[in-house]
Amino acid sequence: MQDVFAEAGLSPGGVYRYFKSKDDLIVAIAEGVSRQLDALLGEPEPDVQPDVRTGGIGDEVRRIVAAFDSVETDEDHRRVAVAIWNESLHNPGVAGVVADIVERVTCSLASRLAHMQDDGRWRDDVDAHAAAQVIVALLPGYALQRIWFPNLDPQSFISAATTLLSPTESQAPRRRPPG
């Protein structure tokens, strides 16, 4: 909670004047982050052509990491995010908000992956929702590494994740015939 008070620039008394409990405060923070992520993770720009080497999967990883980095802009924000994730393990109200965020991001990503499969831009031998769950699961590890290693290069992380998620030559996506 000290991180939250410091981030708000308020004393504990000042914070609790606006929120009845720690739970209310944490839920409010999580909901604020949720709104920011929803705005940042909207549909991709229609004019942007996907990276042909990765069938667009690299673009999706890049969008998620960039959204997270823009919401969690510094170490203090990242620490608060980790504290909220930790609180979600013990507090059903917070767990519900966090689960809702994760599910919305996962479903949005799964939908884009399924479209990529339908267009023949990404391998069709992987369940799109399961793949989205794997990609979203990378975020907590990324957040922790950004705290532990402030000089972590997001582009290197994105490149490595993209390489791991991209098809090999024998698994390269095939353009499906129209119709």
C-alpha atoms as a PDB file:
ATOM      1  CA  MET A   1       0.000   0.000   0.000  1.00  0.00           C
ATOM      2  CA  GLN A   2       2.928   2.332   0.585  1.00  0.00           C
ATOM      3  CA  ASP A   3       3.693   2.196  -3.157  1.00  0.00           C
ATOM      4  CA  VAL A   4       0.091   3.197  -3.885  1.00  0.00           C
ATOM      5  CA  PHE A   5       0.212   6.122  -1.426  1.00  0.00           C
ATOM      6  CA  ALA A   6       3.536   7.282  -2.855  1.00  0.00           C
ATOM      7  CA  GLU A   7       2.240   7.037  -6.429  1.00  0.00           C
ATOM      8  CA  ALA A   8      -0.880   9.019  -5.502  1.00  0.00           C
ATOM      9  CA  GLY A   9       1.213  11.610  -3.682  1.00  0.00           C
ATOM     10  CA  LEU A  10      -1.173  11.378  -0.734  1.00  0.00           C
ATOM     11  CA  SER A  11      -0.998  10.299   2.871  1.00  0.00           C
ATOM     12  CA  PRO A  12      -2.920   7.175   3.928  1.00  0.00           C
ATOM     13  CA  GLY A  13      -5.558   9.433   5.510  1.00  0.00           C
ATOM     14  CA  GLY A  14      -5.913  11.403   2.283  1.00  0.00           C
ATOM     15  CA  VAL A  15      -6.401   8.253   0.245  1.00  0.00           C
ATOM     16  CA  TYR A  16      -8.938   6.734   2.641  1.00  0.00           C
ATOM     17  CA  ARG A  17     -10.951   9.962   2.556  1.00  0.00           C
ATOM     18  CA  TYR A  18     -11.861   9.011  -1.027  1.00  0.00           C
ATOM     19  CA  PHE A  19     -11.974   5.229  -0.670  1.00  0.00           C
ATOM     20  CA  LYS A  20     -13.718   3.287   2.088  1.00  0.00           C
ATOM     21  CA  SER A  21     -11.182   0.482   2.060  1.00  0.00           C
ATOM     22  CA  LYS A  22      -7.973  -0.792   0.532  1.00  0.00           C
ATOM     23  CA  ASP A  23     -10.084  -3.104  -1.632  1.00  0.00           C
ATOM     24  CA  ASP A  24     -12.061  -0.178  -3.072  1.00  0.00           C
ATOM     25  CA  LEU A  25      -8.821   1.639  -3.868  1.00  0.00           C
ATOM     26  CA  ILE A  26      -7.225  -1.360  -5.571  1.00  0.00           C
ATOM     27  CA  VAL A  27     -10.359  -2.085  -7.599  1.00  0.00           C
ATOM     28  CA  ALA A  28     -10.460   1.581  -8.722  1.00  0.00           C
ATOM     29  CA  ILE A  29      -6.815   1.420  -9.834  1.00  0.00           C
ATOM     30  CA  ALA A  30      -7.363  -1.865 -11.680  1.00  0.00           C
ATOM     31  CA  GLU A  31     -10.452  -0.489 -13.417  1.00  0.00           C
ATOM     32  CA  GLY A  32      -8.494   2.604 -14.494  1.00  0.00           C
ATOM     33  CA  VAL A  33      -5.775   0.426 -15.984  1.00  0.00           C
ATOM     34  CA  SER A  34      -8.463  -1.662 -17.656  1.00  0.00           C
ATOM     35  CA  ARG A  35      -9.936   1.401 -19.390  1.00  0.00           C
ATOM     36  CA  GLN A  36      -6.479   2.477 -20.577  1.00  0.00           C
ATOM     37  CA  LEU A  37      -5.703  -0.986 -21.952  1.00  0.00           C
ATOM     38  CA  ASP A  38      -9.061  -1.191 -23.714  1.00  0.00           C
ATOM     39  CA  ALA A  39      -8.333   2.099 -25.475  1.00  0.00           C
ATOM     40  CA  LEU A  40      -4.785   1.079 -26.393  1.00  0.00           C
ATOM     41  CA  LEU A  41      -5.666  -2.421 -27.556  1.00  0.00           C
ATOM     42  CA  GLY A  42      -8.542  -1.480 -29.811  1.00  0.00           C
ATOM     43  CA  GLU A  43      -8.546  -2.773 -33.322  1.00  0.00           C
ATOM     44  CA  PRO A  44      -5.252  -2.413 -35.211  1.00  0.00           C
ATOM     45  CA  GLU A  45      -4.894   0.333 -37.764  1.00  0.00           C
ATOM     46  CA  PRO A  46      -6.442  -0.908 -41.041  1.00  0.00           C
ATOM     47  CA  ASP A  47      -3.650   0.607 -43.172  1.00  0.00           C
ATOM     48  CA  VAL A  48      -0.857  -1.250 -41.358  1.00  0.00           C
ATOM     49  CA  GLN A  49       0.398  -4.257 -43.284  1.00  0.00           C
ATOM     50  CA  PRO A  50       1.368  -7.228 -41.095  1.00  0.00           C
ATOM     51  CA  ASP A  51       4.968  -8.373 -40.887  1.00  0.00           C
ATOM     52  CA  VAL A  52       5.039 -11.040 -43.595  1.00  0.00           C
ATOM     53  CA  ARG A  53       7.862 -12.958 -41.897  1.00  0.00           C
ATOM     54  CA  THR A  54       5.711 -13.636 -38.838  1.00  0.00           C
ATOM     55  CA  GLY A  55       2.252 -13.618 -40.374  1.00  0.00           C
ATOM     56  CA  GLY A  56       1.338 -10.708 -38.124  1.00  0.00           C
ATOM     57  CA  ILE A  57       1.991 -12.433 -34.796  1.00  0.00           C
ATOM     58  CA  GLY A  58       4.915 -10.096 -34.142  1.00  0.00           C
ATOM     59  CA  ASP A  59       2.594  -7.145 -34.670  1.00  0.00           C
ATOM     60  CA  GLU A  60       0.232  -8.508 -32.020  1.00  0.00           C
ATOM     61  CA  VAL A  61       3.030  -9.118 -29.492  1.00  0.00           C
ATOM     62  CA  ARG A  62       4.360  -5.623 -30.218  1.00  0.00           C
ATOM     63  CA  ARG A  63       0.902  -4.061 -29.672  1.00  0.00           C
ATOM     64  CA  ILE A  64       0.430  -5.791 -26.316  1.00  0.00           C
ATOM     65  CA  VAL A  65       3.901  -4.947 -25.021  1.00  0.00           C
ATOM     66  CA  ALA A  66       3.570  -1.352 -26.249  1.00  0.00           C
ATOM     67  CA  ALA A  67       0.156  -1.023 -24.582  1.00  0.00           C
ATOM     68  CA  PHE A  68       1.510  -2.362 -21.324  1.00  0.00           C
ATOM     69  CA  ASP A  69       4.543  -0.103 -21.484  1.00  0.00           C
ATOM     70  CA  SER A  70       2.429   2.965 -22.207  1.00  0.00           C
ATOM     71  CA  VAL A  71       0.132   2.265 -19.240  1.00  0.00           C
ATOM     72  CA  GLU A  72       2.918   1.176 -16.928  1.00  0.00           C
ATOM     73  CA  THR A  73       5.345   3.925 -17.830  1.00  0.00           C
ATOM     74  CA  ASP A  74       7.776   3.680 -14.955  1.00  0.00           C
ATOM     75  CA  GLU A  75       8.991   1.345 -12.244  1.00  0.00           C
ATOM     76  CA  ASP A  76       6.537   2.687  -9.642  1.00  0.00           C
ATOM     77  CA  HIS A  77       3.588   1.994 -11.942  1.00  0.00           C
ATOM     78  CA  ARG A  78       4.924  -1.480 -12.671  1.00  0.00           C
ATOM     79  CA  ARG A  79       5.291  -2.169  -8.952  1.00  0.00           C
ATOM     80  CA  VAL A  80       1.680  -1.108  -8.394  1.00  0.00           C
ATOM     81  CA  ALA A  81       0.572  -3.425 -11.227  1.00  0.00           C
ATOM     82  CA  VAL A  82       2.443  -6.330  -9.636  1.00  0.00           C
ATOM     83  CA  ALA A  83       0.919  -5.448  -6.247  1.00  0.00           C
ATOM     84  CA  ILE A  84      -2.553  -5.543  -7.824  1.00  0.00           C
ATOM     85  CA  TRP A  85      -1.820  -8.933  -9.406  1.00  0.00           C
ATOM     86  CA  ASN A  86      -0.642 -10.162  -6.009  1.00  0.00           C
ATOM     87  CA  GLU A  87      -3.749  -8.792  -4.306  1.00  0.00           C
ATOM     88  CA  SER A  88      -5.900 -10.605  -6.869  1.00  0.00           C
ATOM     89  CA  LEU A  89      -4.614 -13.892  -5.450  1.00  0.00           C
ATOM     90  CA  HIS A  90      -6.153 -13.084  -2.056  1.00  0.00           C
ATOM     91  CA  ASN A  91      -9.088 -10.792  -2.784  1.00  0.00           C
ATOM     92  CA  PRO A  92     -12.047 -12.054  -4.838  1.00  0.00           C
ATOM     93  CA  GLY A  93     -13.168  -8.513  -5.797  1.00  0.00           C
ATOM     94  CA  VAL A  94      -9.767  -7.623  -7.190  1.00  0.00           C
ATOM     95  CA  ALA A  95      -9.455 -11.082  -8.763  1.00  0.00           C
ATOM     96  CA  GLY A  96     -12.693 -10.452 -10.653  1.00  0.00           C
ATOM     97  CA  VAL A  97     -11.465  -7.148 -12.072  1.00  0.00           C
ATOM     98  CA  VAL A  98      -8.071  -8.588 -13.057  1.00  0.00           C
ATOM     99  CA  ALA A  99      -9.668 -11.714 -14.573  1.00  0.00           C
ATOM    100  CA  ASP A 100     -12.022  -9.484 -16.587  1.00  0.00           C
ATOM    101  CA  ILE A 101      -9.081  -7.474 -17.947  1.00  0.00           C
ATOM    102  CA  VAL A 102      -7.144 -10.618 -18.861  1.00  0.00           C
ATOM    103  CA  GLU A 103     -10.182 -12.230 -20.475  1.00  0.00           C
ATOM    104  CA  ARG A 104     -11.006  -9.139 -22.576  1.00  0.00           C
ATOM    105  CA  VAL A 105      -7.417  -8.821 -23.806  1.00  0.00           C
ATOM    106  CA  THR A 106      -7.250 -12.574 -24.475  1.00  0.00           C
ATOM    107  CA  CYS A 107     -10.532 -12.678 -26.402  1.00  0.00           C
ATOM    108  CA  SER A 108      -9.632  -9.618 -28.462  1.00  0.00           C
ATOM    109  CA  LEU A 109      -6.267 -11.128 -29.349  1.00  0.00           C
ATOM    110  CA  ALA A 110      -7.814 -14.551 -30.059  1.00  0.00           C
ATOM    111  CA  SER A 111     -10.222 -12.920 -32.489  1.00  0.00           C
ATOM    112  CA  ARG A 112      -7.359 -11.219 -34.351  1.00  0.00           C
ATOM    113  CA  LEU A 113      -5.371 -14.483 -34.431  1.00  0.00           C
ATOM    114  CA  ALA A 114      -8.392 -16.342 -35.814  1.00  0.00           C
ATOM    115  CA  HIS A 115      -8.715 -13.716 -38.578  1.00  0.00           C
ATOM    116  CA  MET A 116      -5.027 -14.165 -39.360  1.00  0.00           C
ATOM    117  CA  GLN A 117      -5.608 -17.918 -39.613  1.00  0.00           C
ATOM    118  CA  ASP A 118      -8.634 -17.396 -41.868  1.00  0.00           C
ATOM    119  CA  ASP A 119      -6.545 -15.135 -44.119  1.00  0.00           C
ATOM    120  CA  GLY A 120      -3.767 -17.735 -44.250  1.00  0.00           C
ATOM    121  CA  ARG A 121      -1.318 -15.359 -42.529  1.00  0.00           C
ATOM    122  CA  TRP A 122      -0.749 -17.500 -39.462  1.00  0.00           C
ATOM    123  CA  ARG A 123      -0.537 -21.213 -38.843  1.00  0.00           C
ATOM    124  CA  ASP A 124      -3.895 -22.934 -38.565  1.00  0.00           C
ATOM    125  CA  ASP A 125      -2.730 -25.892 -36.471  1.00  0.00           C
ATOM    126  CA  VAL A 126      -2.921 -23.918 -33.192  1.00  0.00           C
ATOM    127  CA  ASP A 127      -6.081 -22.999 -31.312  1.00  0.00           C
ATOM    128  CA  ALA A 128      -6.321 -19.186 -31.542  1.00  0.00           C
ATOM    129  CA  HIS A 129      -7.689 -18.764 -28.003  1.00  0.00           C
ATOM    130  CA  ALA A 130      -4.972 -20.979 -26.493  1.00  0.00           C
ATOM    131  CA  ALA A 131      -2.309 -19.045 -28.424  1.00  0.00           C
ATOM    132  CA  ALA A 132      -3.773 -15.767 -27.141  1.00  0.00           C
ATOM    133  CA  GLN A 133      -3.614 -17.106 -23.581  1.00  0.00           C
ATOM    134  CA  VAL A 134       0.083 -17.894 -24.038  1.00  0.00           C
ATOM    135  CA  ILE A 135       0.843 -14.443 -25.420  1.00  0.00           C
ATOM    136  CA  VAL A 136      -1.072 -12.691 -22.620  1.00  0.00           C
ATOM    137  CA  ALA A 137       0.703 -14.896 -20.057  1.00  0.00           C
ATOM    138  CA  LEU A 138       4.000 -13.368 -21.183  1.00  0.00           C
ATOM    139  CA  LEU A 139       2.995  -9.973 -19.742  1.00  0.00           C
ATOM    140  CA  PRO A 140       3.449 -10.677 -16.006  1.00  0.00           C
ATOM    141  CA  GLY A 141       6.938 -12.046 -16.715  1.00  0.00           C
ATOM    142  CA  TYR A 142       7.699  -9.042 -18.888  1.00  0.00           C
ATOM    143  CA  ALA A 143       6.496  -6.682 -16.135  1.00  0.00           C
ATOM    144  CA  LEU A 144       8.634  -8.368 -13.497  1.00  0.00           C
ATOM    145  CA  GLN A 145      11.687  -8.311 -15.748  1.00  0.00           C
ATOM    146  CA  ARG A 146      11.130  -4.599 -16.438  1.00  0.00           C
ATOM    147  CA  ILE A 147      11.241  -4.045 -12.637  1.00  0.00           C
ATOM    148  CA  TRP A 148      14.242  -6.275 -11.996  1.00  0.00           C
ATOM    149  CA  PHE A 149      16.141  -5.194 -15.100  1.00  0.00           C
ATOM    150  CA  PRO A 150      15.265  -1.545 -15.877  1.00  0.00           C
ATOM    151  CA  ASN A 151      17.428  -1.623 -18.996  1.00  0.00           C
ATOM    152  CA  LEU A 152      15.497  -4.533 -20.523  1.00  0.00           C
ATOM    153  CA  ASP A 153      15.079  -3.791 -24.202  1.00  0.00           C
ATOM    154  CA  PRO A 154      11.401  -4.137 -25.145  1.00  0.00           C
ATOM    155  CA  GLN A 155      12.317  -4.631 -28.813  1.00  0.00           C
ATOM    156  CA  SER A 156      14.569  -7.597 -27.977  1.00  0.00           C
ATOM    157  CA  PHE A 157      11.772  -9.092 -25.858  1.00  0.00           C
ATOM    158  CA  ILE A 158       9.291  -8.625 -28.698  1.00  0.00           C
ATOM    159  CA  SER A 159      11.712 -10.108 -31.218  1.00  0.00           C
ATOM    160  CA  ALA A 160      12.378 -13.184 -29.076  1.00  0.00           C
ATOM    161  CA  ALA A 161       8.682 -13.738 -28.316  1.00  0.00           C
ATOM    162  CA  THR A 162       7.813 -13.307 -31.987  1.00  0.00           C
ATOM    163  CA  THR A 163      10.460 -15.801 -33.054  1.00  0.00           C
ATOM    164  CA  LEU A 164       9.194 -18.351 -30.551  1.00  0.00           C
ATOM    165  CA  LEU A 165       5.589 -17.888 -31.682  1.00  0.00           C
ATOM    166  CA  SER A 166       6.252 -17.761 -35.428  1.00  0.00           C
ATOM    167  CA  PRO A 167       6.009 -20.815 -37.628  1.00  0.00           C
ATOM    168  CA  THR A 168       9.114 -22.577 -38.821  1.00  0.00           C
ATOM    169  CA  GLU A 169       9.598 -23.000 -42.562  1.00  0.00           C
ATOM    170  CA  SER A 170       7.771 -26.350 -42.497  1.00  0.00           C
ATOM    171  CA  GLN A 171       4.892 -24.780 -40.569  1.00  0.00           C
ATOM    172  CA  ALA A 172       4.669 -21.607 -42.627  1.00  0.00           C
ATOM    173  CA  PRO A 173       1.113 -20.382 -43.095  1.00  0.00           C
ATOM    174  CA  ARG A 174      -0.456 -21.209 -46.377  1.00  0.00           C
ATOM    175  CA  ARG A 175      -2.769 -18.870 -48.271  1.00  0.00           C
ATOM    176  CA  ARG A 176      -6.148 -20.495 -48.386  1.00  0.00           C
ATOM    177  CA  PRO A 177      -7.849 -20.390 -51.754  1.00  0.00           C
ATOM    178  CA  PRO A 178     -10.789 -17.971 -51.868  1.00  0.00           C
ATOM    179  CA  GLY A 179     -14.257 -19.382 -51.660  1.00  0.00           C
END
